[in-house]
Amino acid sequence: MSTMKKILIVEDDQFILDLYKRQLENAGYEILTAENGEKALQELDKSVNLILLDILLPKKGGLEILKDIKSNESVKNIPVILLTNLGQESIIKQAFELGASGYLIKSSITPSDVVHQVKEFLNND
């Protein structure tokens, strides 16, 4: 039997965090959470397989965290899906330039869409 894949959700809205956490746990993933960028960077050493990252966060913004992740040799290959309400073309472009693997706009997706995206990235059926 394969080990459970670990997903780090970085989100400061507790309701949204709990919603995605529950959906992904039900889909068979182990979930780590962080409500800000500093905590997110601390969680990265726990062999995370994928990161769901909000852009608007306290202390350190999501794009800054993405930059930190992609410049860190030991974690730079972890796929990062940005999960945000910001749909401006310039921010989406910047996110992909910084190395984001995906970009989901919260208002236009459901939690099951998020699970589907995660499965796509982790090749889980």
Protein backbone atom coordinates (compact mmCIF):
# COMPACT_ATOMS: atom_id res chain seq x y z
CA MET A 1 0.00 0.00 0.00
CA SER A 2 1.35 3.43 -0.88
CA THR A 3 1.84 6.10 1.74
CA MET A 4 -0.58 8.99 1.94
CA LYS A 5 0.42 12.06 -0.03
CA LYS A 6 0.87 15.20 2.06
CA ILE A 7 -0.62 18.52 1.08
CA LEU A 8 0.17 21.81 2.76
CA ILE A 9 -2.72 24.30 2.68
CA VAL A 10 -1.65 27.89 3.35
CA GLU A 11 -4.79 29.94 3.98
CA ASP A 12 -5.65 32.57 6.60
CA ASP A 13 -9.43 32.21 6.30
CA GLN A 14 -10.29 29.48 8.82
CA PHE A 15 -13.59 28.58 7.14
CA ILE A 16 -11.95 28.02 3.74
CA LEU A 17 -9.02 26.22 5.34
CA ASP A 18 -11.34 23.79 7.14
CA LEU A 19 -13.45 23.28 4.02
CA TYR A 20 -10.50 22.29 1.80
CA LYS A 21 -8.87 20.30 4.59
CA ARG A 22 -12.02 18.19 5.05
CA GLN A 23 -12.49 17.64 1.30
CA LEU A 24 -8.88 16.60 0.77
CA GLU A 25 -8.81 14.34 3.85
CA ASN A 26 -11.95 12.64 2.54
CA ALA A 27 -10.11 12.10 -0.75
CA GLY A 28 -7.34 10.29 1.12
CA TYR A 29 -4.67 12.94 1.61
CA GLU A 30 -2.78 13.88 4.74
CA ILE A 31 -3.17 17.62 5.34
CA LEU A 32 -0.84 20.10 6.97
CA THR A 33 -2.05 23.66 7.44
CA ALA A 34 -0.55 27.09 7.93
CA GLU A 35 -2.36 30.36 8.36
CA ASN A 36 0.59 32.54 7.37
CA GLY A 37 3.75 32.47 5.30
CA GLU A 38 6.18 32.02 8.16
CA LYS A 39 4.38 28.91 9.40
CA ALA A 40 4.13 27.63 5.81
CA LEU A 41 7.89 27.78 5.36
CA GLN A 42 8.36 25.88 8.64
CA GLU A 43 6.02 23.09 7.45
CA LEU A 44 7.93 22.47 4.22
CA ASP A 45 10.46 20.10 5.74
CA LYS A 46 7.76 17.50 6.40
CA SER A 47 8.03 15.90 2.94
CA VAL A 48 5.08 17.73 1.43
CA ASN A 49 3.92 16.54 -2.01
CA LEU A 50 1.91 19.63 -3.02
CA ILE A 51 1.15 23.11 -1.71
CA LEU A 52 -2.15 25.00 -1.99
CA LEU A 53 -1.20 28.61 -1.42
CA ASP A 54 -3.37 31.69 -0.91
CA ILE A 55 -1.86 34.96 -2.18
CA LEU A 56 -3.30 37.40 0.36
CA LEU A 57 -1.77 36.33 3.67
CA PRO A 58 -0.68 38.13 6.83
CA LYS A 59 3.04 38.77 7.41
CA LYS A 60 4.30 37.38 4.11
CA GLY A 61 2.29 37.27 0.89
CA GLY A 62 1.78 34.17 -1.21
CA LEU A 63 3.88 35.36 -4.15
CA GLU A 64 6.77 36.05 -1.78
CA ILE A 65 6.37 32.58 -0.26
CA LEU A 66 6.29 31.08 -3.76
CA LYS A 67 9.56 32.87 -4.54
CA ASP A 68 11.11 31.48 -1.33
CA ILE A 69 9.97 27.95 -2.15
CA LYS A 70 11.28 28.05 -5.72
CA SER A 71 14.67 29.41 -4.62
CA ASN A 72 15.13 26.69 -1.99
CA GLU A 73 16.97 23.72 -3.50
CA SER A 74 15.38 21.11 -1.22
CA VAL A 75 11.73 22.07 -1.85
CA LYS A 76 11.71 23.87 -5.21
CA ASN A 77 10.24 20.87 -7.08
CA ILE A 78 7.09 20.70 -4.94
CA PRO A 79 4.12 21.76 -7.11
CA VAL A 80 2.44 24.94 -5.85
CA ILE A 81 -1.17 25.70 -6.79
CA LEU A 82 -2.22 29.23 -5.98
CA LEU A 83 -5.72 29.43 -4.58
CA THR A 84 -6.94 33.00 -4.43
CA ASN A 85 -9.63 35.55 -5.15
CA LEU A 86 -7.21 37.62 -7.23
CA GLY A 87 -8.00 37.08 -10.89
CA GLN A 88 -6.02 39.91 -12.46
CA GLU A 89 -4.06 38.80 -15.54
CA SER A 90 -0.87 40.50 -14.28
CA ILE A 91 -0.92 38.58 -10.99
CA ILE A 92 -1.63 35.28 -12.74
CA LYS A 93 1.26 35.94 -15.16
CA GLN A 94 3.60 36.84 -12.30
CA ALA A 95 2.61 33.68 -10.40
CA PHE A 96 3.51 31.43 -13.34
CA GLU A 97 6.75 33.34 -13.93
CA LEU A 98 7.66 32.66 -10.29
CA GLY A 99 7.05 28.95 -10.80
CA ALA A 100 3.43 28.26 -9.83
CA SER A 101 2.10 24.95 -11.18
CA GLY A 102 -1.52 26.08 -11.16
CA TYR A 103 -3.77 29.01 -10.37
CA LEU A 104 -7.32 28.62 -9.09
CA ILE A 105 -9.71 31.48 -8.42
CA LYS A 106 -11.76 30.62 -5.31
CA SER A 107 -14.96 32.27 -6.47
CA SER A 108 -15.10 30.23 -9.67
CA ILE A 109 -14.37 26.76 -8.26
CA THR A 110 -15.87 24.30 -5.80
CA PRO A 111 -13.96 22.29 -3.19
CA SER A 112 -14.38 19.21 -5.39
CA ASP A 113 -12.68 21.12 -8.24
CA VAL A 114 -9.75 21.65 -5.90
CA VAL A 115 -9.61 17.93 -5.10
CA HIS A 116 -9.71 17.16 -8.83
CA GLN A 117 -6.81 19.57 -9.51
CA VAL A 118 -4.77 18.08 -6.68
CA LYS A 119 -5.34 14.57 -8.05
CA GLU A 120 -4.24 15.72 -11.51
CA PHE A 121 -0.98 17.09 -10.13
CA LEU A 122 -0.27 14.07 -7.95
CA ASN A 123 -1.45 11.51 -10.54
CA ASN A 124 -3.80 9.86 -8.07
CA ASP A 125 -6.96 8.11 -9.13
